[in-house]
């Protein structure tokens, strides 16, 4: 005899409002990329908790409108190509 398992409903967020408002107005530090040191390993893209770093031919590109300045990208960069600088 099998029992039906009830799975809780997963809430969803509409994609049209997900990236509608910039979130970085309170940021104190921001990541800056030294493209001379960057080897395009893309660890920064993988580890960015906000998903604001994308790939380009030159290297990673940061969407500063949504970057919160957490520094995860700089901590994960094996070549030290990303450094955090004071923004204010």
PDB file of N, CA and C in Angstrom:
ATOM      1  N   UNK A   1       0.838  -1.182   0.000  1.00  0.00           N
ATOM      2  CA  UNK A   1       0.000   0.000   0.000  1.00  0.00           C
ATOM      3  C   UNK A   1       0.886   1.251   0.000  1.00  0.00           C
ATOM      4  N   UNK A   2       0.777   2.084  -0.983  1.00  0.00           N
ATOM      5  CA  UNK A   2       1.598   3.289  -1.055  1.00  0.00           C
ATOM      6  C   UNK A   2       0.818   4.504  -0.568  1.00  0.00           C
ATOM      7  N   UNK A   3       1.534   5.379   0.098  1.00  0.00           N
ATOM      8  CA  UNK A   3       0.927   6.609   0.585  1.00  0.00           C
ATOM      9  C   UNK A   3       1.388   7.767  -0.278  1.00  0.00           C
ATOM     10  N   UNK A   4       0.492   8.670  -0.490  1.00  0.00           N
ATOM     11  CA  UNK A   4       0.845   9.851  -1.272  1.00  0.00           C
ATOM     12  C   UNK A   4       1.592  10.828  -0.365  1.00  0.00           C
ATOM     13  N   UNK A   5       2.758  11.257  -0.822  1.00  0.00           N
ATOM     14  CA  UNK A   5       3.566  12.197  -0.053  1.00  0.00           C
ATOM     15  C   UNK A   5       3.246  13.604  -0.514  1.00  0.00           C
ATOM     16  N   UNK A   6       2.931  14.465   0.441  1.00  0.00           N
ATOM     17  CA  UNK A   6       2.641  15.859   0.112  1.00  0.00           C
ATOM     18  C   UNK A   6       3.936  16.656   0.151  1.00  0.00           C
ATOM     19  N   UNK A   7       4.220  17.306  -0.938  1.00  0.00           N
ATOM     20  CA  UNK A   7       5.413  18.140  -1.064  1.00  0.00           C
ATOM     21  C   UNK A   7       4.985  19.594  -0.908  1.00  0.00           C
ATOM     22  N   UNK A   8       5.673  20.348  -0.047  1.00  0.00           N
ATOM     23  CA  UNK A   8       5.280  21.759   0.109  1.00  0.00           C
ATOM     24  C   UNK A   8       5.485  22.544  -1.187  1.00  0.00           C
ATOM     25  N   UNK A   9       4.619  23.502  -1.392  1.00  0.00           N
ATOM     26  CA  UNK A   9       4.726  24.334  -2.587  1.00  0.00           C
ATOM     27  C   UNK A   9       5.928  25.258  -2.457  1.00  0.00           C
ATOM     28  N   UNK A  10       6.698  25.377  -3.522  1.00  0.00           N
ATOM     29  CA  UNK A  10       7.875  26.233  -3.529  1.00  0.00           C
ATOM     30  C   UNK A  10       7.462  27.614  -4.038  1.00  0.00           C
ATOM     31  N   UNK A  11       7.690  28.648  -3.227  1.00  0.00           N
ATOM     32  CA  UNK A  11       7.327  29.988  -3.692  1.00  0.00           C
ATOM     33  C   UNK A  11       8.221  30.415  -4.852  1.00  0.00           C
ATOM     34  N   UNK A  12       7.683  31.136  -5.780  1.00  0.00           N
ATOM     35  CA  UNK A  12       8.456  31.622  -6.915  1.00  0.00           C
ATOM     36  C   UNK A  12       8.456  33.144  -6.931  1.00  0.00           C
ATOM     37  N   UNK A  13       9.470  33.695  -7.564  1.00  0.00           N
ATOM     38  CA  UNK A  13       9.579  35.144  -7.714  1.00  0.00           C
ATOM     39  C   UNK A  13       9.489  35.453  -9.195  1.00  0.00           C
ATOM     40  N   UNK A  14       8.649  36.398  -9.540  1.00  0.00           N
ATOM     41  CA  UNK A  14       8.517  36.778 -10.947  1.00  0.00           C
ATOM     42  C   UNK A  14       9.839  37.328 -11.445  1.00  0.00           C
ATOM     43  N   UNK A  15      10.292  36.834 -12.586  1.00  0.00           N
ATOM     44  CA  UNK A  15      11.594  37.257 -13.114  1.00  0.00           C
ATOM     45  C   UNK A  15      11.598  38.709 -13.589  1.00  0.00           C
ATOM     46  N   UNK A  16      10.451  39.261 -13.914  1.00  0.00           N
ATOM     47  CA  UNK A  16      10.427  40.645 -14.391  1.00  0.00           C
ATOM     48  C   UNK A  16      10.653  41.651 -13.268  1.00  0.00           C
ATOM     49  N   UNK A  17      10.491  41.228 -12.009  1.00  0.00           N
ATOM     50  CA  UNK A  17      10.744  42.149 -10.900  1.00  0.00           C
ATOM     51  C   UNK A  17      12.002  41.779 -10.120  1.00  0.00           C
ATOM     52  N   UNK A  18      12.616  40.658 -10.454  1.00  0.00           N
ATOM     53  CA  UNK A  18      13.762  40.180  -9.704  1.00  0.00           C
ATOM     54  C   UNK A  18      14.925  41.169  -9.713  1.00  0.00           C
ATOM     55  N   UNK A  19      15.273  41.722 -10.871  1.00  0.00           N
ATOM     56  CA  UNK A  19      16.404  42.640 -10.981  1.00  0.00           C
ATOM     57  C   UNK A  19      15.945  44.059 -11.295  1.00  0.00           C
ATOM     58  N   UNK A  20      14.785  44.427 -10.782  1.00  0.00           N
ATOM     59  CA  UNK A  20      14.225  45.716 -11.169  1.00  0.00           C
ATOM     60  C   UNK A  20      14.836  46.913 -10.437  1.00  0.00           C
ATOM     61  N   UNK A  21      15.303  46.721  -9.219  1.00  0.00           N
ATOM     62  CA  UNK A  21      15.811  47.848  -8.446  1.00  0.00           C
ATOM     63  C   UNK A  21      17.266  47.630  -8.047  1.00  0.00           C
ATOM     64  N   UNK A  22      18.110  48.603  -8.264  1.00  0.00           N
ATOM     65  CA  UNK A  22      19.505  48.487  -7.806  1.00  0.00           C
ATOM     66  C   UNK A  22      19.565  48.308  -6.291  1.00  0.00           C
ATOM     67  N   UNK A  23      20.538  47.542  -5.834  1.00  0.00           N
ATOM     68  CA  UNK A  23      20.648  47.253  -4.406  1.00  0.00           C
ATOM     69  C   UNK A  23      21.941  47.759  -3.801  1.00  0.00           C
ATOM     70  N   UNK A  24      22.778  48.438  -4.555  1.00  0.00           N
ATOM     71  CA  UNK A  24      24.108  48.781  -4.071  1.00  0.00           C
ATOM     72  C   UNK A  24      24.245  50.211  -3.563  1.00  0.00           C
ATOM     73  N   UNK A  25      23.173  50.888  -3.280  1.00  0.00           N
ATOM     74  CA  UNK A  25      23.287  52.288  -2.856  1.00  0.00           C
ATOM     75  C   UNK A  25      23.970  52.427  -1.500  1.00  0.00           C
ATOM     76  N   UNK A  26      23.987  51.386  -0.690  1.00  0.00           N
ATOM     77  CA  UNK A  26      24.588  51.433   0.639  1.00  0.00           C
ATOM     78  C   UNK A  26      25.975  50.791   0.681  1.00  0.00           C
ATOM     79  N   UNK A  27      26.478  50.325  -0.438  1.00  0.00           N
ATOM     80  CA  UNK A  27      27.770  49.631  -0.483  1.00  0.00           C
ATOM     81  C   UNK A  27      28.914  50.559  -0.058  1.00  0.00           C
ATOM     82  N   UNK A  28      29.852  50.036   0.730  1.00  0.00           N
ATOM     83  CA  UNK A  28      31.009  50.803   1.190  1.00  0.00           C
ATOM     84  C   UNK A  28      32.257  50.429   0.392  1.00  0.00           C
ATOM     85  N   UNK A  29      32.410  49.137   0.099  1.00  0.00           N
ATOM     86  CA  UNK A  29      33.563  48.640  -0.664  1.00  0.00           C
ATOM     87  C   UNK A  29      33.063  48.060  -1.979  1.00  0.00           C
ATOM     88  N   UNK A  30      33.880  48.170  -3.026  1.00  0.00           N
ATOM     89  CA  UNK A  30      33.501  47.571  -4.295  1.00  0.00           C
ATOM     90  C   UNK A  30      34.695  46.832  -4.901  1.00  0.00           C
ATOM     91  N   UNK A  31      34.426  45.750  -5.621  1.00  0.00           N
ATOM     92  CA  UNK A  31      35.512  45.000  -6.244  1.00  0.00           C
ATOM     93  C   UNK A  31      35.996  45.686  -7.515  1.00  0.00           C
ATOM     94  N   UNK A  32      37.313  45.692  -7.715  1.00  0.00           N
ATOM     95  CA  UNK A  32      37.916  46.244  -8.920  1.00  0.00           C
ATOM     96  C   UNK A  32      38.823  45.161  -9.498  1.00  0.00           C
ATOM     97  N   UNK A  33      38.694  44.917 -10.799  1.00  0.00           N
ATOM     98  CA  UNK A  33      39.433  43.839 -11.453  1.00  0.00           C
ATOM     99  C   UNK A  33      40.674  44.370 -12.154  1.00  0.00           C
ATOM    100  N   UNK A  34      41.794  43.716 -11.909  1.00  0.00           N
ATOM    101  CA  UNK A  34      43.044  43.998 -12.624  1.00  0.00           C
ATOM    102  C   UNK A  34      43.124  42.963 -13.747  1.00  0.00           C
ATOM    103  N   UNK A  35      42.757  43.360 -14.956  1.00  0.00           N
ATOM    104  CA  UNK A  35      42.701  42.430 -16.077  1.00  0.00           C
ATOM    105  C   UNK A  35      44.080  41.906 -16.479  1.00  0.00           C
ATOM    106  N   UNK A  36      45.140  42.567 -16.068  1.00  0.00           N
ATOM    107  CA  UNK A  36      46.487  42.081 -16.328  1.00  0.00           C
ATOM    108  C   UNK A  36      46.815  40.832 -15.509  1.00  0.00           C
ATOM    109  N   UNK A  37      46.190  40.699 -14.342  1.00  0.00           N
ATOM    110  CA  UNK A  37      46.402  39.528 -13.488  1.00  0.00           C
ATOM    111  C   UNK A  37      45.375  38.429 -13.726  1.00  0.00           C
ATOM    112  N   UNK A  38      44.235  38.767 -14.292  1.00  0.00           N
ATOM    113  CA  UNK A  38      43.122  37.817 -14.456  1.00  0.00           C
ATOM    114  C   UNK A  38      43.479  36.730 -15.476  1.00  0.00           C
ATOM    115  N   UNK A  39      43.240  35.468 -15.097  1.00  0.00           N
ATOM    116  CA  UNK A  39      43.507  34.342 -15.999  1.00  0.00           C
ATOM    117  C   UNK A  39      42.202  33.721 -16.514  1.00  0.00           C
ATOM    118  N   UNK A  40      41.097  34.401 -16.280  1.00  0.00           N
ATOM    119  CA  UNK A  40      39.767  33.959 -16.735  1.00  0.00           C
ATOM    120  C   UNK A  40      39.431  32.545 -16.253  1.00  0.00           C
ATOM    121  N   UNK A  41      39.647  32.314 -14.972  1.00  0.00           N
ATOM    122  CA  UNK A  41      39.276  31.024 -14.382  1.00  0.00           C
ATOM    123  C   UNK A  41      37.782  30.996 -14.042  1.00  0.00           C
ATOM    124  N   UNK A  42      37.170  32.161 -13.954  1.00  0.00           N
ATOM    125  CA  UNK A  42      35.737  32.363 -13.729  1.00  0.00           C
ATOM    126  C   UNK A  42      35.259  31.930 -12.344  1.00  0.00           C
ATOM    127  N   UNK A  43      36.186  31.783 -11.389  1.00  0.00           N
ATOM    128  CA  UNK A  43      35.751  31.456 -10.032  1.00  0.00           C
ATOM    129  C   UNK A  43      34.900  32.581  -9.444  1.00  0.00           C
ATOM    130  N   UNK A  44      35.219  33.810  -9.795  1.00  0.00           N
ATOM    131  CA  UNK A  44      34.436  34.942  -9.296  1.00  0.00           C
ATOM    132  C   UNK A  44      32.990  34.853  -9.779  1.00  0.00           C
ATOM    133  N   UNK A  45      32.810  34.424 -11.018  1.00  0.00           N
ATOM    134  CA  UNK A  45      31.459  34.268 -11.578  1.00  0.00           C
ATOM    135  C   UNK A  45      30.713  33.184 -10.821  1.00  0.00           C
ATOM    136  N   UNK A  46      31.396  32.098 -10.528  1.00  0.00           N
ATOM    137  CA  UNK A  46      30.761  30.975  -9.837  1.00  0.00           C
ATOM    138  C   UNK A  46      30.430  31.287  -8.386  1.00  0.00           C
ATOM    139  N   UNK A  47      31.296  32.028  -7.706  1.00  0.00           N
ATOM    140  CA  UNK A  47      31.113  32.260  -6.275  1.00  0.00           C
ATOM    141  C   UNK A  47      30.317  33.518  -5.919  1.00  0.00           C
ATOM    142  N   UNK A  48      30.098  34.414  -6.844  1.00  0.00           N
ATOM    143  CA  UNK A  48      29.361  35.641  -6.525  1.00  0.00           C
ATOM    144  C   UNK A  48      27.960  35.283  -6.027  1.00  0.00           C
ATOM    145  N   UNK A  49      27.645  35.595  -4.765  1.00  0.00           N
ATOM    146  CA  UNK A  49      26.342  35.217  -4.225  1.00  0.00           C
ATOM    147  C   UNK A  49      25.175  35.970  -4.861  1.00  0.00           C
ATOM    148  N   UNK A  50      25.449  37.104  -5.464  1.00  0.00           N
ATOM    149  CA  UNK A  50      24.378  37.886  -6.095  1.00  0.00           C
ATOM    150  C   UNK A  50      24.268  37.611  -7.590  1.00  0.00           C
ATOM    151  N   UNK A  51      25.237  36.903  -8.153  1.00  0.00           N
ATOM    152  CA  UNK A  51      25.195  36.589  -9.581  1.00  0.00           C
ATOM    153  C   UNK A  51      25.356  37.801 -10.474  1.00  0.00           C
ATOM    154  N   UNK A  52      26.140  38.773 -10.026  1.00  0.00           N
ATOM    155  CA  UNK A  52      26.285  40.023 -10.787  1.00  0.00           C
ATOM    156  C   UNK A  52      27.570  40.088 -11.607  1.00  0.00           C
ATOM    157  N   UNK A  53      28.353  39.018 -11.590  1.00  0.00           N
ATOM    158  CA  UNK A  53      29.577  38.985 -12.389  1.00  0.00           C
ATOM    159  C   UNK A  53      29.327  38.077 -13.589  1.00  0.00           C
ATOM    160  N   UNK A  54      29.609  38.602 -14.774  1.00  0.00           N
ATOM    161  CA  UNK A  54      29.383  37.820 -15.992  1.00  0.00           C
ATOM    162  C   UNK A  54      30.692  37.696 -16.778  1.00  0.00           C
ATOM    163  N   UNK A  55      30.685  36.759 -17.708  1.00  0.00           N
ATOM    164  CA  UNK A  55      31.867  36.505 -18.541  1.00  0.00           C
ATOM    165  C   UNK A  55      31.871  37.409 -19.762  1.00  0.00           C
ATOM    166  N   UNK A  56      33.059  37.850 -20.167  1.00  0.00           N
ATOM    167  CA  UNK A  56      33.237  38.584 -21.420  1.00  0.00           C
ATOM    168  C   UNK A  56      34.579  38.165 -22.008  1.00  0.00           C
ATOM    169  N   UNK A  57      34.872  38.597 -23.190  1.00  0.00           N
ATOM    170  CA  UNK A  57      36.136  38.263 -23.831  1.00  0.00           C
ATOM    171  C   UNK A  57      37.341  38.801 -23.081  1.00  0.00           C
ATOM    172  N   UNK A  58      37.194  39.963 -22.456  1.00  0.00           N
ATOM    173  CA  UNK A  58      38.299  40.573 -21.705  1.00  0.00           C
ATOM    174  C   UNK A  58      38.480  39.959 -20.329  1.00  0.00           C
ATOM    175  N   UNK A  59      37.425  39.401 -19.800  1.00  0.00           N
ATOM    176  CA  UNK A  59      37.444  38.854 -18.444  1.00  0.00           C
ATOM    177  C   UNK A  59      36.104  39.121 -17.781  1.00  0.00           C
ATOM    178  N   UNK A  60      36.044  38.972 -16.467  1.00  0.00           N
ATOM    179  CA  UNK A  60      34.785  39.173 -15.751  1.00  0.00           C
ATOM    180  C   UNK A  60      34.313  40.626 -15.803  1.00  0.00           C
ATOM    181  N   UNK A  61      33.004  40.796 -15.838  1.00  0.00           N
ATOM    182  CA  UNK A  61      32.389  42.125 -15.828  1.00  0.00           C
ATOM    183  C   UNK A  61      31.423  42.169 -14.653  1.00  0.00           C
ATOM    184  N   UNK A  62      31.547  43.200 -13.842  1.00  0.00           N
ATOM    185  CA  UNK A  62      30.708  43.332 -12.648  1.00  0.00           C
ATOM    186  C   UNK A  62      29.605  44.346 -12.907  1.00  0.00           C
ATOM    187  N   UNK A  63      28.378  43.966 -12.612  1.00  0.00           N
ATOM    188  CA  UNK A  63      27.249  44.887 -12.696  1.00  0.00           C
ATOM    189  C   UNK A  63      27.163  45.593 -11.340  1.00  0.00           C
ATOM    190  N   UNK A  64      27.783  46.760 -11.246  1.00  0.00           N
ATOM    191  CA  UNK A  64      27.861  47.481  -9.981  1.00  0.00           C
ATOM    192  C   UNK A  64      26.514  47.957  -9.465  1.00  0.00           C
ATOM    193  N   UNK A  65      25.508  47.989 -10.305  1.00  0.00           N
ATOM    194  CA  UNK A  65      24.183  48.401  -9.830  1.00  0.00           C
ATOM    195  C   UNK A  65      23.642  47.439  -8.777  1.00  0.00           C
ATOM    196  N   UNK A  66      24.060  46.178  -8.852  1.00  0.00           N
ATOM    197  CA  UNK A  66      23.518  45.177  -7.949  1.00  0.00           C
ATOM    198  C   UNK A  66      24.557  44.540  -7.038  1.00  0.00           C
ATOM    199  N   UNK A  67      25.821  44.893  -7.214  1.00  0.00           N
ATOM    200  CA  UNK A  67      26.890  44.367  -6.369  1.00  0.00           C
ATOM    201  C   UNK A  67      26.748  44.950  -4.962  1.00  0.00           C
ATOM    202  N   UNK A  68      26.804  44.076  -3.951  1.00  0.00           N
ATOM    203  CA  UNK A  68      26.666  44.523  -2.566  1.00  0.00           C
ATOM    204  C   UNK A  68      28.007  44.746  -1.879  1.00  0.00           C
ATOM    205  N   UNK A  69      29.103  44.455  -2.586  1.00  0.00           N
ATOM    206  CA  UNK A  69      30.427  44.702  -2.026  1.00  0.00           C
ATOM    207  C   UNK A  69      30.823  43.716  -0.941  1.00  0.00           C
ATOM    208  N   UNK A  70      30.354  42.490  -1.034  1.00  0.00           N
ATOM    209  CA  UNK A  70      30.625  41.497   0.018  1.00  0.00           C
ATOM    210  C   UNK A  70      32.073  41.011   0.003  1.00  0.00           C
ATOM    211  N   UNK A  71      32.751  41.058  -1.140  1.00  0.00           N
ATOM    212  CA  UNK A  71      34.151  40.659  -1.223  1.00  0.00           C
ATOM    213  C   UNK A  71      34.397  39.184  -1.472  1.00  0.00           C
ATOM    214  N   UNK A  72      33.359  38.399  -1.683  1.00  0.00           N
ATOM    215  CA  UNK A  72      33.545  36.969  -1.942  1.00  0.00           C
ATOM    216  C   UNK A  72      34.388  36.768  -3.198  1.00  0.00           C
ATOM    217  N   UNK A  73      34.137  37.538  -4.232  1.00  0.00           N
ATOM    218  CA  UNK A  73      34.892  37.400  -5.481  1.00  0.00           C
ATOM    219  C   UNK A  73      36.384  37.634  -5.250  1.00  0.00           C
ATOM    220  N   UNK A  74      36.712  38.657  -4.476  1.00  0.00           N
ATOM    221  CA  UNK A  74      38.115  38.969  -4.185  1.00  0.00           C
ATOM    222  C   UNK A  74      38.756  37.867  -3.344  1.00  0.00           C
ATOM    223  N   UNK A  75      38.008  37.318  -2.409  1.00  0.00           N
ATOM    224  CA  UNK A  75      38.542  36.239  -1.565  1.00  0.00           C
ATOM    225  C   UNK A  75      38.774  34.962  -2.357  1.00  0.00           C
ATOM    226  N   UNK A  76      37.968  34.698  -3.359  1.00  0.00           N
ATOM    227  CA  UNK A  76      38.068  33.460  -4.123  1.00  0.00           C
ATOM    228  C   UNK A  76      39.034  33.540  -5.299  1.00  0.00           C
ATOM    229  N   UNK A  77      39.430  34.725  -5.701  1.00  0.00           N
ATOM    230  CA  UNK A  77      40.314  34.875  -6.856  1.00  0.00           C
ATOM    231  C   UNK A  77      41.703  34.326  -6.532  1.00  0.00           C
ATOM    232  N   UNK A  78      42.135  33.272  -7.244  1.00  0.00           N
ATOM    233  CA  UNK A  78      43.433  32.656  -6.933  1.00  0.00           C
ATOM    234  C   UNK A  78      44.639  33.507  -7.332  1.00  0.00           C
ATOM    235  N   UNK A  79      44.453  34.476  -8.210  1.00  0.00           N
ATOM    236  CA  UNK A  79      45.569  35.310  -8.678  1.00  0.00           C
ATOM    237  C   UNK A  79      45.593  36.694  -8.031  1.00  0.00           C
ATOM    238  N   UNK A  80      44.617  36.986  -7.189  1.00  0.00           N
ATOM    239  CA  UNK A  80      44.560  38.305  -6.560  1.00  0.00           C
ATOM    240  C   UNK A  80      44.239  39.401  -7.556  1.00  0.00           C
ATOM    241  N   UNK A  81      43.504  39.051  -8.602  1.00  0.00           N
ATOM    242  CA  UNK A  81      43.157  40.023  -9.647  1.00  0.00           C
ATOM    243  C   UNK A  81      41.995  40.926  -9.247  1.00  0.00           C
ATOM    244  N   UNK A  82      41.318  40.584  -8.181  1.00  0.00           N
ATOM    245  CA  UNK A  82      40.195  41.406  -7.721  1.00  0.00           C
ATOM    246  C   UNK A  82      40.547  41.935  -6.340  1.00  0.00           C
ATOM    247  N   UNK A  83      40.467  43.262  -6.195  1.00  0.00           N
ATOM    248  CA  UNK A  83      40.711  43.860  -4.891  1.00  0.00           C
ATOM    249  C   UNK A  83      39.525  44.725  -4.514  1.00  0.00           C
ATOM    250  N   UNK A  84      39.297  44.834  -3.237  1.00  0.00           N
ATOM    251  CA  UNK A  84      38.190  45.630  -2.746  1.00  0.00           C
ATOM    252  C   UNK A  84      38.719  47.038  -2.457  1.00  0.00           C
ATOM    253  N   UNK A  85      38.032  48.042  -2.979  1.00  0.00           N
ATOM    254  CA  UNK A  85      38.428  49.429  -2.750  1.00  0.00           C
ATOM    255  C   UNK A  85      37.274  50.183  -2.100  1.00  0.00           C
ATOM    256  N   UNK A  86      37.630  51.124  -1.281  1.00  0.00           N
ATOM    257  CA  UNK A  86      36.621  51.943  -0.600  1.00  0.00           C
ATOM    258  C   UNK A  86      35.902  52.786  -1.629  1.00  0.00           C
ATOM    259  N   UNK A  87      34.595  52.819  -1.536  1.00  0.00           N
ATOM    260  CA  UNK A  87      33.807  53.524  -2.538  1.00  0.00           C
ATOM    261  C   UNK A  87      33.443  54.943  -2.127  1.00  0.00           C
ATOM    262  N   UNK A  88      33.386  55.207  -0.859  1.00  0.00           N
ATOM    263  CA  UNK A  88      32.923  56.510  -0.392  1.00  0.00           C
ATOM    264  C   UNK A  88      34.041  57.497  -0.267  1.00  0.00           C
TER     265      UNK A  88
END
